[in-house]
PDB file of N, CA and C in Angstrom:
ATOM      1  N   MET A   1    -143.396 -18.510  78.445  1.00  0.00           N
ATOM      2  CA  MET A   1    -143.492 -17.752  80.106  1.00  0.00           C
ATOM      3  C   MET A   1    -142.066 -18.400  80.923  1.00  0.00           C
ATOM      4  N   GLY A   2    -141.949 -17.289  82.014  1.00  0.00           N
ATOM      5  CA  GLY A   2    -140.368 -17.650  82.327  1.00  0.00           C
ATOM      6  C   GLY A   2    -140.984 -17.570  83.431  1.00  0.00           C
ATOM      7  N   ASN A   3    -140.014 -18.252  84.688  1.00  0.00           N
ATOM      8  CA  ASN A   3    -140.268 -18.032  86.153  1.00  0.00           C
ATOM      9  C   ASN A   3    -140.107 -16.015  86.562  1.00  0.00           C
ATOM     10  N   VAL A   4    -141.160 -16.334  87.461  1.00  0.00           N
ATOM     11  CA  VAL A   4    -141.127 -15.118  88.068  1.00  0.00           C
ATOM     12  C   VAL A   4    -140.488 -14.947  89.326  1.00  0.00           C
ATOM     13  N   PRO A   5    -140.056 -14.442  89.990  1.00  0.00           N
ATOM     14  CA  PRO A   5    -139.014 -14.795  91.700  1.00  0.00           C
ATOM     15  C   PRO A   5    -140.241 -13.828  92.333  1.00  0.00           C
ATOM     16  N   THR A   6    -140.494 -15.041  93.259  1.00  0.00           N
ATOM     17  CA  THR A   6    -141.366 -14.035  94.197  1.00  0.00           C
ATOM     18  C   THR A   6    -140.825 -13.698  95.567  1.00  0.00           C
ATOM     19  N   THR A   7    -139.491 -14.676  96.178  1.00  0.00           N
ATOM     20  CA  THR A   7    -139.279 -14.007  97.016  1.00  0.00           C
ATOM     21  C   THR A   7    -137.557 -14.255  96.749  1.00  0.00           C
ATOM     22  N   GLU A   8    -136.463 -14.068  98.198  1.00  0.00           N
ATOM     23  CA  GLU A   8    -135.474 -13.981  97.247  1.00  0.00           C
ATOM     24  C   GLU A   8    -134.722 -15.233  96.871  1.00  0.00           C
ATOM     25  N   GLY A   9    -134.209 -15.672  96.120  1.00  0.00           N
ATOM     26  CA  GLY A   9    -134.206 -16.735  95.688  1.00  0.00           C
ATOM     27  C   GLY A   9    -135.145 -18.239  95.156  1.00  0.00           C
ATOM     28  N   GLU A  10    -136.062 -17.933  95.269  1.00  0.00           N
ATOM     29  CA  GLU A  10    -137.448 -18.998  94.735  1.00  0.00           C
ATOM     30  C   GLU A  10    -137.897 -17.993  93.285  1.00  0.00           C
ATOM     31  N   ALA A  11    -138.742 -19.340  93.055  1.00  0.00           N
ATOM     32  CA  ALA A  11    -139.322 -18.932  91.473  1.00  0.00           C
ATOM     33  C   ALA A  11    -140.287 -19.413  91.248  1.00  0.00           C
ATOM     34  N   ALA A  12    -141.486 -19.079  91.003  1.00  0.00           N
ATOM     35  CA  ALA A  12    -142.745 -19.740  90.960  1.00  0.00           C
ATOM     36  C   ALA A  12    -142.635 -20.307  89.578  1.00  0.00           C
ATOM     37  N   GLY A  13    -143.837 -21.807  89.419  1.00  0.00           N
ATOM     38  CA  GLY A  13    -144.182 -22.152  88.298  1.00  0.00           C
ATOM     39  C   GLY A  13    -144.032 -21.902  87.399  1.00  0.00           C
ATOM     40  N   PRO A  14    -144.240 -22.074  86.005  1.00  0.00           N
ATOM     41  CA  PRO A  14    -144.742 -21.318  84.811  1.00  0.00           C
ATOM     42  C   PRO A  14    -145.954 -20.999  84.752  1.00  0.00           C
ATOM     43  N   ASP A  15    -146.725 -21.398  85.142  1.00  0.00           N
ATOM     44  CA  ASP A  15    -147.924 -20.647  85.102  1.00  0.00           C
ATOM     45  C   ASP A  15    -148.412 -19.319  85.301  1.00  0.00           C
ATOM     46  N   VAL A  16    -147.556 -18.859  85.967  1.00  0.00           N
ATOM     47  CA  VAL A  16    -147.741 -17.284  86.331  1.00  0.00           C
ATOM     48  C   VAL A  16    -147.286 -16.473  85.203  1.00  0.00           C
ATOM     49  N   LEU A  17    -148.071 -15.813  85.606  1.00  0.00           N
ATOM     50  CA  LEU A  17    -147.524 -14.915  84.390  1.00  0.00           C
ATOM     51  C   LEU A  17    -146.472 -13.676  84.823  1.00  0.00           C
ATOM     52  N   GLU A  18    -146.188 -13.394  84.002  1.00  0.00           N
ATOM     53  CA  GLU A  18    -145.215 -12.502  84.084  1.00  0.00           C
ATOM     54  C   GLU A  18    -145.194 -11.268  83.838  1.00  0.00           C
ATOM     55  N   ARG A  19    -145.054 -10.600  85.049  1.00  0.00           N
ATOM     56  CA  ARG A  19    -145.073  -9.308  86.041  1.00  0.00           C
ATOM     57  C   ARG A  19    -144.093  -8.709  86.849  1.00  0.00           C
ATOM     58  N   PRO A  20    -143.838  -7.464  86.325  1.00  0.00           N
ATOM     59  CA  PRO A  20    -143.117  -6.966  87.821  1.00  0.00           C
ATOM     60  C   PRO A  20    -143.810  -7.364  88.935  1.00  0.00           C
ATOM     61  N   ALA A  21    -142.868  -7.181  89.679  1.00  0.00           N
ATOM     62  CA  ALA A  21    -142.990  -7.748  91.553  1.00  0.00           C
ATOM     63  C   ALA A  21    -143.460  -6.222  92.180  1.00  0.00           C
ATOM     64  N   GLN A  22    -144.605  -6.429  92.965  1.00  0.00           N
ATOM     65  CA  GLN A  22    -144.961  -5.486  93.217  1.00  0.00           C
ATOM     66  C   GLN A  22    -144.249  -5.412  94.743  1.00  0.00           C
ATOM     67  N   PRO A  23    -144.200  -4.154  95.236  1.00  0.00           N
ATOM     68  CA  PRO A  23    -143.206  -3.750  96.555  1.00  0.00           C
ATOM     69  C   PRO A  23    -144.623  -4.093  97.444  1.00  0.00           C
ATOM     70  N   GLY A  24    -144.027  -4.400  98.628  1.00  0.00           N
ATOM     71  CA  GLY A  24    -144.652  -4.329  99.692  1.00  0.00           C
ATOM     72  C   GLY A  24    -145.755  -5.454  99.724  1.00  0.00           C
ATOM     73  N   ARG A  25    -145.944  -6.030  98.917  1.00  0.00           N
ATOM     74  CA  ARG A  25    -147.099  -7.042  99.008  1.00  0.00           C
ATOM     75  C   ARG A  25    -146.315  -8.714  99.266  1.00  0.00           C
ATOM     76  N   SER A  26    -146.890  -9.531  99.823  1.00  0.00           N
ATOM     77  CA  SER A  26    -146.769 -10.797 100.145  1.00  0.00           C
ATOM     78  C   SER A  26    -146.640 -11.575  98.864  1.00  0.00           C
ATOM     79  N   TRP A  27    -146.122 -12.222  98.886  1.00  0.00           N
ATOM     80  CA  TRP A  27    -146.284 -13.641  97.600  1.00  0.00           C
ATOM     81  C   TRP A  27    -147.786 -13.853  97.255  1.00  0.00           C
ATOM     82  N   LEU A  28    -148.377 -14.489  98.592  1.00  0.00           N
ATOM     83  CA  LEU A  28    -149.715 -14.661  98.748  1.00  0.00           C
ATOM     84  C   LEU A  28    -150.577 -13.435  97.799  1.00  0.00           C
ATOM     85  N   SER A  29    -150.528 -12.609  98.003  1.00  0.00           N
ATOM     86  CA  SER A  29    -151.254 -11.502  97.707  1.00  0.00           C
ATOM     87  C   SER A  29    -150.811 -11.479  96.558  1.00  0.00           C
ATOM     88  N   ARG A  30    -149.784 -11.134  96.124  1.00  0.00           N
ATOM     89  CA  ARG A  30    -149.278 -11.079  94.766  1.00  0.00           C
ATOM     90  C   ARG A  30    -149.943 -12.199  93.817  1.00  0.00           C
ATOM     91  N   ARG A  31    -150.138 -13.429  94.204  1.00  0.00           N
ATOM     92  CA  ARG A  31    -150.302 -14.511  93.618  1.00  0.00           C
ATOM     93  C   ARG A  31    -151.802 -14.390  93.358  1.00  0.00           C
ATOM     94  N   TRP A  32    -152.319 -14.565  94.572  1.00  0.00           N
ATOM     95  CA  TRP A  32    -153.974 -14.262  94.702  1.00  0.00           C
ATOM     96  C   TRP A  32    -154.725 -12.964  93.586  1.00  0.00           C
ATOM     97  N   ALA A  33    -153.763 -11.953  93.404  1.00  0.00           N
ATOM     98  CA  ALA A  33    -154.109 -10.660  92.343  1.00  0.00           C
ATOM     99  C   ALA A  33    -154.086 -11.382  91.010  1.00  0.00           C
ATOM    100  N   GLU A  34    -152.879 -12.109  90.531  1.00  0.00           N
ATOM    101  CA  GLU A  34    -152.794 -12.973  89.628  1.00  0.00           C
ATOM    102  C   GLU A  34    -153.961 -14.055  88.950  1.00  0.00           C
ATOM    103  N   VAL A  35    -154.625 -15.000  90.370  1.00  0.00           N
ATOM    104  CA  VAL A  35    -155.306 -15.654  89.969  1.00  0.00           C
ATOM    105  C   VAL A  35    -156.798 -14.478  89.748  1.00  0.00           C
ATOM    106  N   ARG A  36    -156.844 -13.732  90.319  1.00  0.00           N
ATOM    107  CA  ARG A  36    -158.141 -13.201  90.305  1.00  0.00           C
ATOM    108  C   ARG A  36    -158.331 -12.314  88.682  1.00  0.00           C
ATOM    109  N   ALA A  37    -157.034 -11.873  88.420  1.00  0.00           N
ATOM    110  CA  ALA A  37    -156.655 -11.241  86.933  1.00  0.00           C
ATOM    111  C   ALA A  37    -156.870 -12.177  85.632  1.00  0.00           C
ATOM    112  N   THR A  38    -156.380 -13.476  85.553  1.00  0.00           N
ATOM    113  CA  THR A  38    -156.835 -14.031  84.928  1.00  0.00           C
ATOM    114  C   THR A  38    -158.508 -14.309  84.607  1.00  0.00           C
ATOM    115  N   GLY A  39    -159.226 -14.976  83.753  1.00  0.00           N
ATOM    116  CA  GLY A  39    -160.134 -15.071  83.484  1.00  0.00           C
ATOM    117  C   GLY A  39    -160.230 -16.782  83.323  1.00  0.00           C
ATOM    118  N   GLU A  40    -161.601 -17.661  83.384  1.00  0.00           N
ATOM    119  CA  GLU A  40    -161.704 -18.976  83.162  1.00  0.00           C
ATOM    120  C   GLU A  40    -162.059 -18.977  81.656  1.00  0.00           C
ATOM    121  N   ALA A  41    -160.855 -20.261  81.423  1.00  0.00           N
ATOM    122  CA  ALA A  41    -161.405 -20.638  79.875  1.00  0.00           C
ATOM    123  C   ALA A  41    -162.582 -21.488  79.700  1.00  0.00           C
ATOM    124  N   GLY A  42    -162.825 -22.126  80.641  1.00  0.00           N
ATOM    125  CA  GLY A  42    -163.781 -22.870  80.450  1.00  0.00           C
ATOM    126  C   GLY A  42    -164.194 -23.947  81.624  1.00  0.00           C
ATOM    127  N   MET A  43    -164.729 -25.008  81.128  1.00  0.00           N
ATOM    128  CA  MET A  43    -165.077 -25.794  82.886  1.00  0.00           C
ATOM    129  C   MET A  43    -164.148 -27.260  82.618  1.00  0.00           C
ATOM    130  N   SER A  44    -163.770 -27.203  83.854  1.00  0.00           N
ATOM    131  CA  SER A  44    -162.439 -28.154  84.141  1.00  0.00           C
ATOM    132  C   SER A  44    -162.854 -29.384  84.049  1.00  0.00           C
ATOM    133  N   THR A  45    -162.731 -30.880  84.238  1.00  0.00           N
ATOM    134  CA  THR A  45    -162.946 -32.173  83.766  1.00  0.00           C
ATOM    135  C   THR A  45    -163.858 -32.110  85.023  1.00  0.00           C
ATOM    136  N   ALA A  46    -163.255 -32.224  86.081  1.00  0.00           N
ATOM    137  CA  ALA A  46    -164.576 -32.199  87.517  1.00  0.00           C
ATOM    138  C   ALA A  46    -166.217 -31.441  87.133  1.00  0.00           C
ATOM    139  N   GLU A  47    -165.775 -30.234  86.386  1.00  0.00           N
ATOM    140  CA  GLU A  47    -167.288 -30.179  86.298  1.00  0.00           C
ATOM    141  C   GLU A  47    -167.948 -30.602  85.111  1.00  0.00           C
ATOM    142  N   TYR A  48    -167.464 -30.988  84.059  1.00  0.00           N
ATOM    143  CA  TYR A  48    -167.746 -31.723  83.114  1.00  0.00           C
ATOM    144  C   TYR A  48    -168.549 -32.791  83.309  1.00  0.00           C
ATOM    145  N   ALA A  49    -167.753 -33.958  84.647  1.00  0.00           N
ATOM    146  CA  ALA A  49    -168.292 -35.083  84.929  1.00  0.00           C
ATOM    147  C   ALA A  49    -169.578 -34.627  86.084  1.00  0.00           C
ATOM    148  N   VAL A  50    -169.807 -33.469  86.707  1.00  0.00           N
ATOM    149  CA  VAL A  50    -170.590 -33.206  87.389  1.00  0.00           C
ATOM    150  C   VAL A  50    -172.332 -32.832  86.863  1.00  0.00           C
ATOM    151  N   GLY A  51    -172.084 -32.464  85.992  1.00  0.00           N
ATOM    152  CA  GLY A  51    -172.705 -32.269  84.795  1.00  0.00           C
ATOM    153  C   GLY A  51    -173.214 -33.329  83.916  1.00  0.00           C
ATOM    154  N   THR A  52    -172.831 -34.049  83.762  1.00  0.00           N
ATOM    155  CA  THR A  52    -172.464 -35.348  82.526  1.00  0.00           C
ATOM    156  C   THR A  52    -173.381 -36.341  83.681  1.00  0.00           C
ATOM    157  N   VAL A  53    -173.035 -36.274  84.605  1.00  0.00           N
ATOM    158  CA  VAL A  53    -173.957 -37.261  85.535  1.00  0.00           C
ATOM    159  C   VAL A  53    -175.138 -37.010  85.827  1.00  0.00           C
ATOM    160  N   ALA A  54    -175.142 -35.381  86.466  1.00  0.00           N
ATOM    161  CA  ALA A  54    -176.776 -34.458  86.587  1.00  0.00           C
ATOM    162  C   ALA A  54    -177.502 -34.914  85.233  1.00  0.00           C
ATOM    163  N   ALA A  55    -177.309 -34.981  83.613  1.00  0.00           N
ATOM    164  CA  ALA A  55    -177.664 -35.037  82.682  1.00  0.00           C
ATOM    165  C   ALA A  55    -178.355 -36.094  82.866  1.00  0.00           C
ATOM    166  N   CYS A  56    -177.503 -37.522  83.184  1.00  0.00           N
ATOM    167  CA  CYS A  56    -178.069 -38.627  82.494  1.00  0.00           C
ATOM    168  C   CYS A  56    -178.991 -39.066  83.681  1.00  0.00           C
ATOM    169  N   ALA A  57    -178.869 -38.613  85.047  1.00  0.00           N
ATOM    170  CA  ALA A  57    -179.647 -38.440  86.283  1.00  0.00           C
ATOM    171  C   ALA A  57    -180.998 -38.173  85.507  1.00  0.00           C
ATOM    172  N   PHE A  58    -181.009 -36.756  85.152  1.00  0.00           N
ATOM    173  CA  PHE A  58    -182.810 -35.879  84.795  1.00  0.00           C
ATOM    174  C   PHE A  58    -183.006 -36.820  83.903  1.00  0.00           C
ATOM    175  N   ALA A  59    -182.184 -37.486  82.766  1.00  0.00           N
ATOM    176  CA  ALA A  59    -183.020 -38.187  81.548  1.00  0.00           C
ATOM    177  C   ALA A  59    -183.812 -39.513  81.867  1.00  0.00           C
ATOM    178  N   ALA A  60    -182.699 -40.073  83.194  1.00  0.00           N
ATOM    179  CA  ALA A  60    -183.299 -41.607  83.276  1.00  0.00           C
ATOM    180  C   ALA A  60    -184.414 -41.095  84.516  1.00  0.00           C
ATOM    181  N   VAL A  61    -185.105 -39.933  85.359  1.00  0.00           N
ATOM    182  CA  VAL A  61    -185.917 -39.692  85.866  1.00  0.00           C
ATOM    183  C   VAL A  61    -186.876 -39.497  84.806  1.00  0.00           C
ATOM    184  N   LEU A  62    -187.011 -38.458  83.934  1.00  0.00           N
ATOM    185  CA  LEU A  62    -187.534 -38.150  82.711  1.00  0.00           C
ATOM    186  C   LEU A  62    -188.688 -39.400  82.061  1.00  0.00           C
ATOM    187  N   TYR A  63    -186.830 -40.376  81.514  1.00  0.00           N
ATOM    188  CA  TYR A  63    -188.013 -41.413  80.757  1.00  0.00           C
ATOM    189  C   TYR A  63    -188.585 -42.135  81.581  1.00  0.00           C
ATOM    190  N   ARG A  64    -188.382 -42.472  82.915  1.00  0.00           N
ATOM    191  CA  ARG A  64    -189.399 -43.127  83.894  1.00  0.00           C
ATOM    192  C   ARG A  64    -190.666 -42.203  84.065  1.00  0.00           C
ATOM    193  N   VAL A  65    -190.828 -41.051  84.158  1.00  0.00           N
ATOM    194  CA  VAL A  65    -192.138 -40.498  84.216  1.00  0.00           C
ATOM    195  C   VAL A  65    -192.688 -40.848  82.784  1.00  0.00           C
ATOM    196  N   VAL A  66    -192.336 -40.163  82.281  1.00  0.00           N
ATOM    197  CA  VAL A  66    -192.650 -40.600  80.224  1.00  0.00           C
ATOM    198  C   VAL A  66    -193.250 -41.995  80.148  1.00  0.00           C
ATOM    199  N   THR A  67    -192.776 -43.014  80.838  1.00  0.00           N
ATOM    200  CA  THR A  67    -193.309 -44.228  80.374  1.00  0.00           C
ATOM    201  C   THR A  67    -194.231 -45.015  81.374  1.00  0.00           C
ATOM    202  N   GLY A  68    -193.910 -43.923  82.444  1.00  0.00           N
ATOM    203  CA  GLY A  68    -194.903 -44.748  83.453  1.00  0.00           C
ATOM    204  C   GLY A  68    -196.351 -45.050  83.096  1.00  0.00           C
ATOM    205  N   GLY A  69    -197.499 -45.686  83.691  1.00  0.00           N
ATOM    206  CA  GLY A  69    -198.653 -46.190  83.137  1.00  0.00           C
ATOM    207  C   GLY A  69    -199.542 -45.017  83.148  1.00  0.00           C
ATOM    208  N   SER A  70    -199.610 -43.832  83.987  1.00  0.00           N
ATOM    209  CA  SER A  70    -200.332 -42.598  84.165  1.00  0.00           C
ATOM    210  C   SER A  70    -200.020 -42.033  82.577  1.00  0.00           C
ATOM    211  N   ILE A  71    -198.880 -41.155  82.197  1.00  0.00           N
ATOM    212  CA  ILE A  71    -198.548 -40.646  81.340  1.00  0.00           C
ATOM    213  C   ILE A  71    -198.977 -41.007  79.911  1.00  0.00           C
ATOM    214  N   VAL A  72    -198.643 -42.508  80.102  1.00  0.00           N
ATOM    215  CA  VAL A  72    -199.020 -43.233  78.671  1.00  0.00           C
ATOM    216  C   VAL A  72    -200.411 -43.396  78.655  1.00  0.00           C
ATOM    217  N   THR A  73    -201.386 -43.151  79.103  1.00  0.00           N
ATOM    218  CA  THR A  73    -202.606 -43.819  79.493  1.00  0.00           C
ATOM    219  C   THR A  73    -203.074 -42.140  79.335  1.00  0.00           C
ATOM    220  N   GLY A  74    -202.721 -41.198  79.956  1.00  0.00           N
ATOM    221  CA  GLY A  74    -203.082 -39.838  79.592  1.00  0.00           C
ATOM    222  C   GLY A  74    -202.744 -39.182  78.209  1.00  0.00           C
ATOM    223  N   LEU A  75    -201.792 -39.223  77.668  1.00  0.00           N
ATOM    224  CA  LEU A  75    -201.760 -39.257  76.372  1.00  0.00           C
ATOM    225  C   LEU A  75    -202.215 -40.210  75.116  1.00  0.00           C
ATOM    226  N   THR A  76    -202.320 -41.641  75.447  1.00  0.00           N
ATOM    227  CA  THR A  76    -203.708 -42.262  74.664  1.00  0.00           C
ATOM    228  C   THR A  76    -205.022 -41.431  74.716  1.00  0.00           C
ATOM    229  N   ASP A  77    -205.393 -41.170  76.010  1.00  0.00           N
ATOM    230  CA  ASP A  77    -206.583 -40.341  75.407  1.00  0.00           C
ATOM    231  C   ASP A  77    -206.388 -39.330  75.174  1.00  0.00           C
ATOM    232  N   LEU A  78    -205.377 -38.410  75.370  1.00  0.00           N
ATOM    233  CA  LEU A  78    -205.663 -37.427  74.667  1.00  0.00           C
ATOM    234  C   LEU A  78    -205.605 -37.329  72.698  1.00  0.00           C
ATOM    235  N   ILE A  79    -204.537 -38.164  72.669  1.00  0.00           N
ATOM    236  CA  ILE A  79    -204.927 -38.483  71.498  1.00  0.00           C
ATOM    237  C   ILE A  79    -206.061 -38.900  70.587  1.00  0.00           C
ATOM    238  N   GLU A  80    -206.493 -40.031  71.632  1.00  0.00           N
ATOM    239  CA  GLU A  80    -207.885 -40.578  71.064  1.00  0.00           C
ATOM    240  C   GLU A  80    -209.143 -39.587  71.007  1.00  0.00           C
ATOM    241  N   SER A  81    -209.222 -38.591  71.720  1.00  0.00           N
ATOM    242  CA  SER A  81    -209.798 -37.488  71.951  1.00  0.00           C
ATOM    243  C   SER A  81    -209.647 -36.813  70.992  1.00  0.00           C
ATOM    244  N   ALA A  82    -208.292 -36.242  70.192  1.00  0.00           N
ATOM    245  CA  ALA A  82    -208.604 -35.276  69.166  1.00  0.00           C
ATOM    246  C   ALA A  82    -208.724 -36.208  68.170  1.00  0.00           C
ATOM    247  N   LEU A  83    -208.190 -37.610  67.652  1.00  0.00           N
ATOM    248  CA  LEU A  83    -209.024 -38.087  66.832  1.00  0.00           C
ATOM    249  C   LEU A  83    -210.258 -37.863  66.691  1.00  0.00           C
ATOM    250  N   ALA A  84    -211.113 -38.092  67.634  1.00  0.00           N
ATOM    251  CA  ALA A  84    -212.820 -38.203  67.760  1.00  0.00           C
ATOM    252  C   ALA A  84    -213.222 -36.498  67.754  1.00  0.00           C
ATOM    253  N   THR A  85    -212.560 -35.668  67.949  1.00  0.00           N
ATOM    254  CA  THR A  85    -212.657 -34.095  67.734  1.00  0.00           C
ATOM    255  C   THR A  85    -212.504 -34.644  66.208  1.00  0.00           C
ATOM    256  N   LEU A  86    -212.002 -34.836  65.040  1.00  0.00           N
ATOM    257  CA  LEU A  86    -211.878 -34.437  64.152  1.00  0.00           C
ATOM    258  C   LEU A  86    -212.343 -35.466  62.829  1.00  0.00           C
ATOM    259  N   SER A  87    -212.618 -36.354  63.368  1.00  0.00           N
ATOM    260  CA  SER A  87    -213.952 -37.727  62.959  1.00  0.00           C
ATOM    261  C   SER A  87    -215.376 -37.313  62.953  1.00  0.00           C
TER     262      SER A  87
END
């Protein structure tokens, strides 16, 4: 893709799509229209980082809850009562 002239003597970066300039619109409004017209392909690196940290925090909380004394005691009682019912 080439550069699209935005105003006299200026050129936009290579990431701007090639489309004919629309008369009567400022550079900012044309650029904003280009941004809105292109879809997002996926998450950015920052979004992946936040998602990874959130997943790790959730896993740590879940681990603490499951390995806590009351959960282990409750599961043990549940299994013992189930086994007692079967025998």
